[in-house]
Amino acid sequence: MTIDRNDTAAYAAANKQTWDSSAHLHGTGPAWETLLAQAAQPAFSVFDDCITQTLEHLDLKGKRAVQVGCNNARELLSLASFGAVPALGIDQSAAFLAQGTQLAQAAGLTPRLLEANIYDLPDDLGQFDLVLITIGVLNWMPDLPAFFLVIAGLMAPGAKLVIYETHPMLEMFEPGGPTPFEPVHNYFETAPDIHEGGITYDGSDGGDAPTGYWFSHTMGAILNGCIAAGLCIENLTEHPHSNREVDFDIYADRAAQMPMSFTLLAAN
């Protein structure tokens, strides 16, 4: 199926089907039961050391937070351990949000979990002190300038935006390919990559699922999207570690190390 690059609604609808069809891979089994049990514990957090350090340096006590692309809300709920109020989670997948409701109940928290196309949000959401975006959100977005305008609209005066994402350079490589250390994708590619199959986080086969569309964005496009939306970039840190599937760990700890993830902090 060919979709016009400007048709964000069509891409959102297609990617929603991909994610909804993948939810069953994550909401059952030992890993899910462990996550449910952990959510009920004090100071529950699934954040790694890198993003934890970033959040610890912000004054989040009592601050209302929204996570865009919250998946099953495990990270949104983790913000409570920093003193923040996990107020809203937005995701396109109702199936993953249903898992988020279970985790919230286990944690004793009551965030609003909203199923929505980020490009077409309702008008009653209000504004927040912290907007959080983590791994795998930006690349499902066909229009970054429009996306960051929405993000800016969610930010109260003096709010912070924290992005912890895969570095765009990593998109150039295929760790499971025959030449994993040679670039195989154009850094400046604008056409979407066709994603076939269910979405897993461990590199395993997710079985059949409707087609999804994954977009590569340059670091310049990410920064310019923030700037065009009126945001002030306070810090950009590039990291030599991966925060996505374990397949990509082969690129870490090398003599000629490339950036594998990044943290961006912005304010309005």
Protein backbone atom coordinates (compact mmCIF):
# COMPACT_ATOMS: atom_id res chain seq x y z
CA MET A 1 0.00 0.00 0.00
CA THR A 2 1.29 3.44 -0.95
CA ILE A 3 0.49 6.31 1.42
CA ASP A 4 1.09 9.97 0.73
CA ARG A 5 3.90 11.22 3.02
CA ASN A 6 1.64 14.06 4.21
CA ASP A 7 -1.23 11.74 5.15
CA THR A 8 -0.41 11.41 8.85
CA ALA A 9 -3.84 9.96 9.61
CA ALA A 10 -3.30 7.05 7.22
CA TYR A 11 0.12 6.27 8.66
CA ALA A 12 -1.25 6.49 12.20
CA ALA A 13 -4.07 4.09 11.34
CA ALA A 14 -1.67 1.58 9.77
CA ASN A 15 0.81 1.75 12.64
CA LYS A 16 -1.99 1.42 15.19
CA GLN A 17 -2.91 -1.93 13.63
CA THR A 18 0.72 -3.04 13.77
CA TRP A 19 0.98 -2.22 17.49
CA ASP A 20 -2.42 -3.59 18.45
CA SER A 21 -1.55 -6.86 16.73
CA SER A 22 1.73 -7.03 18.65
CA ALA A 23 0.33 -6.39 22.14
CA HIS A 24 -0.38 -10.03 22.90
CA LEU A 25 3.35 -10.72 22.64
CA HIS A 26 3.96 -8.54 25.71
CA GLY A 27 0.93 -8.92 27.99
CA THR A 28 1.31 -12.55 29.04
CA GLY A 29 4.05 -14.87 30.28
CA PRO A 30 6.74 -14.69 32.96
CA ALA A 31 8.12 -11.28 31.91
CA TRP A 32 4.67 -9.72 32.12
CA GLU A 33 3.92 -11.30 35.48
CA THR A 34 7.25 -10.04 36.80
CA LEU A 35 6.48 -6.52 35.56
CA LEU A 36 3.07 -6.60 37.25
CA ALA A 37 4.67 -7.65 40.52
CA GLN A 38 7.35 -4.97 40.24
CA ALA A 39 4.76 -2.26 39.56
CA ALA A 40 3.25 -2.93 42.97
CA GLN A 41 6.54 -2.27 44.74
CA PRO A 42 7.55 1.11 46.23
CA ALA A 43 9.77 3.29 44.01
CA PHE A 44 8.90 1.19 40.94
CA SER A 45 11.00 2.18 37.92
CA VAL A 46 11.96 0.52 34.66
CA PHE A 47 14.34 3.32 33.60
CA ASP A 48 17.99 2.55 32.91
CA ASP A 49 20.82 4.43 34.63
CA CYS A 50 21.19 6.93 31.79
CA ILE A 51 17.66 8.34 31.76
CA THR A 52 17.48 7.98 35.55
CA GLN A 53 20.39 10.40 35.93
CA THR A 54 18.70 12.89 33.61
CA LEU A 55 15.44 12.77 35.53
CA GLU A 56 17.18 12.98 38.90
CA HIS A 57 18.70 16.31 37.89
CA LEU A 58 15.25 17.79 37.25
CA ASP A 59 13.01 19.04 40.04
CA LEU A 60 10.04 16.77 39.36
CA LYS A 61 8.41 16.71 42.79
CA GLY A 62 4.72 17.39 42.34
CA LYS A 63 5.15 18.10 38.62
CA ARG A 64 2.45 16.81 36.27
CA ALA A 65 3.87 14.60 33.54
CA VAL A 66 2.67 13.32 30.18
CA GLN A 67 4.35 10.60 28.15
CA VAL A 68 3.77 10.63 24.41
CA GLY A 69 3.91 7.12 22.98
CA CYS A 70 3.55 5.57 26.42
CA ASN A 71 3.00 1.97 25.24
CA ASN A 72 1.85 0.05 28.37
CA ALA A 73 2.59 3.04 30.65
CA ARG A 74 5.42 1.31 32.52
CA GLU A 75 7.68 4.35 32.04
CA LEU A 76 4.92 6.85 32.77
CA LEU A 77 4.24 5.09 36.07
CA SER A 78 7.99 5.02 36.81
CA LEU A 79 7.98 8.82 36.95
CA ALA A 80 6.25 8.61 40.33
CA SER A 81 9.52 7.35 41.82
CA PHE A 82 11.01 10.79 41.04
CA GLY A 83 8.17 12.59 42.79
CA ALA A 84 6.32 13.45 39.59
CA VAL A 85 2.59 12.96 39.05
CA PRO A 86 2.03 10.56 36.11
CA ALA A 87 -1.00 12.45 34.81
CA LEU A 88 -1.42 11.37 31.17
CA GLY A 89 -0.18 8.69 28.82
CA ILE A 90 -0.92 8.95 25.10
CA ASP A 91 -0.60 6.04 22.71
CA GLN A 92 -2.19 4.88 19.47
CA SER A 93 -2.64 1.29 20.68
CA ALA A 94 -5.71 0.48 22.78
CA ALA A 95 -4.34 -3.02 23.40
CA PHE A 96 -1.13 -1.72 25.01
CA LEU A 97 -3.07 0.88 27.00
CA ALA A 98 -5.21 -1.94 28.41
CA GLN A 99 -1.99 -3.43 29.78
CA GLY A 100 -1.15 0.03 31.14
CA THR A 101 -4.41 0.05 33.07
CA GLN A 102 -3.42 -3.21 34.75
CA LEU A 103 0.02 -1.86 35.64
CA ALA A 104 -1.48 1.37 36.99
CA GLN A 105 -3.87 -0.59 39.20
CA ALA A 106 -0.96 -2.65 40.51
CA ALA A 107 0.97 0.55 41.24
CA GLY A 108 -1.99 2.25 42.89
CA LEU A 109 -1.85 5.14 40.43
CA THR A 110 -4.59 6.69 38.31
CA PRO A 111 -3.15 8.34 35.19
CA ARG A 112 -5.40 9.10 32.27
CA LEU A 113 -4.47 6.71 29.46
CA LEU A 114 -5.60 8.08 26.13
CA GLU A 115 -5.83 6.22 22.84
CA ALA A 116 -5.23 8.83 20.15
CA ASN A 117 -3.44 9.81 16.98
CA ILE A 118 -0.82 12.29 18.23
CA TYR A 119 -1.53 14.52 15.23
CA ASP A 120 -5.21 14.80 16.19
CA LEU A 121 -5.48 15.14 19.96
CA PRO A 122 -8.64 16.25 21.78
CA ASP A 123 -8.76 19.81 23.11
CA ASP A 124 -9.31 18.96 26.77
CA LEU A 125 -5.89 17.59 27.70
CA GLY A 126 -4.46 20.67 29.37
CA GLN A 127 -0.75 21.32 29.79
CA PHE A 128 2.00 19.60 31.72
CA ASP A 129 5.26 20.35 33.49
CA LEU A 130 7.12 17.44 31.89
CA VAL A 131 6.74 15.81 28.49
CA LEU A 132 8.58 12.50 28.13
CA ILE A 133 9.41 10.76 24.85
CA THR A 134 11.46 7.56 24.82
CA ILE A 135 12.72 4.88 22.49
CA GLY A 136 10.85 4.20 19.28
CA VAL A 137 8.41 7.12 19.21
CA LEU A 138 10.00 9.57 16.77
CA ASN A 139 10.49 6.94 14.09
CA TRP A 140 6.79 6.19 13.84
CA MET A 141 6.13 9.86 13.07
CA PRO A 142 6.04 10.88 9.37
CA ASP A 143 5.95 14.64 10.06
CA LEU A 144 8.38 15.83 12.76
CA PRO A 145 7.62 19.59 12.56
CA ALA A 146 3.90 18.92 13.07
CA PHE A 147 4.72 16.43 15.84
CA PHE A 148 6.80 18.92 17.79
CA LEU A 149 4.12 21.57 17.46
CA VAL A 150 1.79 19.17 19.24
CA ILE A 151 4.43 18.52 21.89
CA ALA A 152 4.91 22.26 22.47
CA GLY A 153 1.16 22.61 22.91
CA LEU A 154 1.24 20.08 25.75
CA MET A 155 3.87 22.05 27.67
CA ALA A 156 2.89 24.45 30.43
CA PRO A 157 4.98 27.61 30.89
CA GLY A 158 8.41 26.59 32.18
CA ALA A 159 7.89 22.94 31.24
CA LYS A 160 10.64 20.52 30.22
CA LEU A 161 10.78 18.11 27.31
CA VAL A 162 12.94 15.01 27.79
CA ILE A 163 13.69 12.77 24.80
CA TYR A 164 15.69 9.55 25.21
CA GLU A 165 15.91 7.93 21.80
CA THR A 166 17.94 5.86 19.39
CA HIS A 167 20.60 7.92 17.62
CA PRO A 168 19.77 8.42 13.92
CA MET A 169 23.17 7.01 12.90
CA LEU A 170 22.14 3.59 14.19
CA GLU A 171 19.39 3.48 11.56
CA MET A 172 22.07 3.12 8.89
CA PHE A 173 23.03 -0.39 10.00
CA GLU A 174 21.45 -3.85 9.97
CA PRO A 175 22.86 -5.90 12.87
CA GLY A 176 21.30 -9.09 11.53
CA GLY A 177 22.49 -8.56 7.96
CA PRO A 178 25.45 -10.16 6.18
CA THR A 179 27.63 -7.04 6.65
CA PRO A 180 26.51 -5.64 10.01
CA PHE A 181 29.38 -3.16 10.28
CA GLU A 182 28.83 -1.55 6.90
CA PRO A 183 26.16 1.15 6.43
CA VAL A 184 23.31 -0.19 4.32
CA HIS A 185 20.76 2.62 4.68
CA ASN A 186 20.99 6.21 3.52
CA TYR A 187 21.17 8.56 6.51
CA PHE A 188 19.12 11.10 4.55
CA GLU A 189 16.38 8.68 3.41
CA THR A 190 12.89 10.18 3.69
CA ALA A 191 10.79 7.29 2.39
CA PRO A 192 9.42 5.04 5.16
CA ASP A 193 10.88 1.65 5.87
CA ILE A 194 8.21 -1.04 5.58
CA HIS A 195 7.91 -2.98 8.83
CA GLU A 196 6.48 -6.50 8.48
CA GLY A 197 5.59 -8.73 11.42
CA GLY A 198 4.84 -8.32 15.09
CA ILE A 199 6.94 -5.95 17.17
CA THR A 200 9.21 -7.47 19.79
CA TYR A 201 11.89 -5.85 21.93
CA ASP A 202 14.35 -8.74 22.08
CA GLY A 203 14.93 -9.35 18.39
CA SER A 204 12.73 -12.47 18.34
CA ASP A 205 10.22 -13.30 15.61
CA GLY A 206 6.89 -11.64 16.37
CA GLY A 207 4.90 -13.57 13.80
CA ASP A 208 2.49 -11.97 11.35
CA ALA A 209 1.09 -8.48 11.83
CA PRO A 210 -0.28 -5.72 9.60
CA THR A 211 2.30 -3.58 7.80
CA GLY A 212 3.80 -0.66 9.72
CA TYR A 213 5.80 2.34 8.55
CA TRP A 214 9.07 3.40 10.19
CA PHE A 215 10.65 6.78 9.41
CA SER A 216 14.31 7.69 9.74
CA HIS A 217 14.99 11.27 10.82
CA THR A 218 18.36 13.01 10.86
CA MET A 219 19.58 14.64 14.05
CA GLY A 220 19.24 17.96 12.27
CA ALA A 221 15.57 17.26 11.54
CA ILE A 222 14.94 16.45 15.21
CA LEU A 223 16.68 19.60 16.46
CA ASN A 224 15.08 21.81 13.82
CA GLY A 225 11.67 20.38 14.62
CA CYS A 226 12.09 21.40 18.24
CA ILE A 227 13.35 24.87 17.32
CA ALA A 228 10.57 25.49 14.79
CA ALA A 229 8.02 24.63 17.48
CA GLY A 230 9.44 27.39 19.67
CA LEU A 231 11.37 25.15 22.05
CA CYS A 232 14.77 26.04 23.49
CA ILE A 233 17.25 23.17 23.43
CA GLU A 234 19.08 23.14 26.75
CA ASN A 235 21.19 20.04 26.32
CA LEU A 236 21.93 17.30 23.81
CA THR A 237 24.02 14.34 24.96
CA GLU A 238 24.99 11.52 22.60
CA HIS A 239 25.64 8.13 24.19
CA PRO A 240 27.80 5.16 23.14
CA HIS A 241 25.18 2.64 24.33
CA SER A 242 22.04 1.29 22.70
CA ASN A 243 18.56 1.61 24.19
CA ARG A 244 16.78 -0.65 21.72
CA GLU A 245 16.84 -4.34 20.70
CA VAL A 246 19.75 -6.39 21.99
CA ASP A 247 20.84 -7.08 18.39
CA PHE A 248 22.32 -3.58 18.30
CA ASP A 249 24.63 -4.22 21.24
CA ILE A 250 27.26 -5.47 18.80
CA TYR A 251 28.02 -1.82 18.01
CA ALA A 252 28.92 -0.92 21.60
CA ASP A 253 32.39 -0.84 23.20
CA ARG A 254 34.30 -0.54 19.94
CA ALA A 255 37.55 1.29 19.31
CA ALA A 256 35.85 3.41 16.65
CA GLN A 257 32.67 4.07 18.62
CA MET A 258 29.65 5.69 17.02
CA PRO A 259 26.77 7.35 18.90
CA MET A 260 23.97 4.85 19.56
CA SER A 261 21.41 6.84 21.55
CA PHE A 262 20.87 10.39 22.74
CA THR A 263 19.19 12.45 25.42
CA LEU A 264 17.69 15.81 24.51
CA LEU A 265 16.45 18.32 27.09
CA ALA A 266 14.37 21.27 25.92
CA ALA A 267 12.18 23.95 27.47
CA ASN A 268 9.56 26.36 26.19
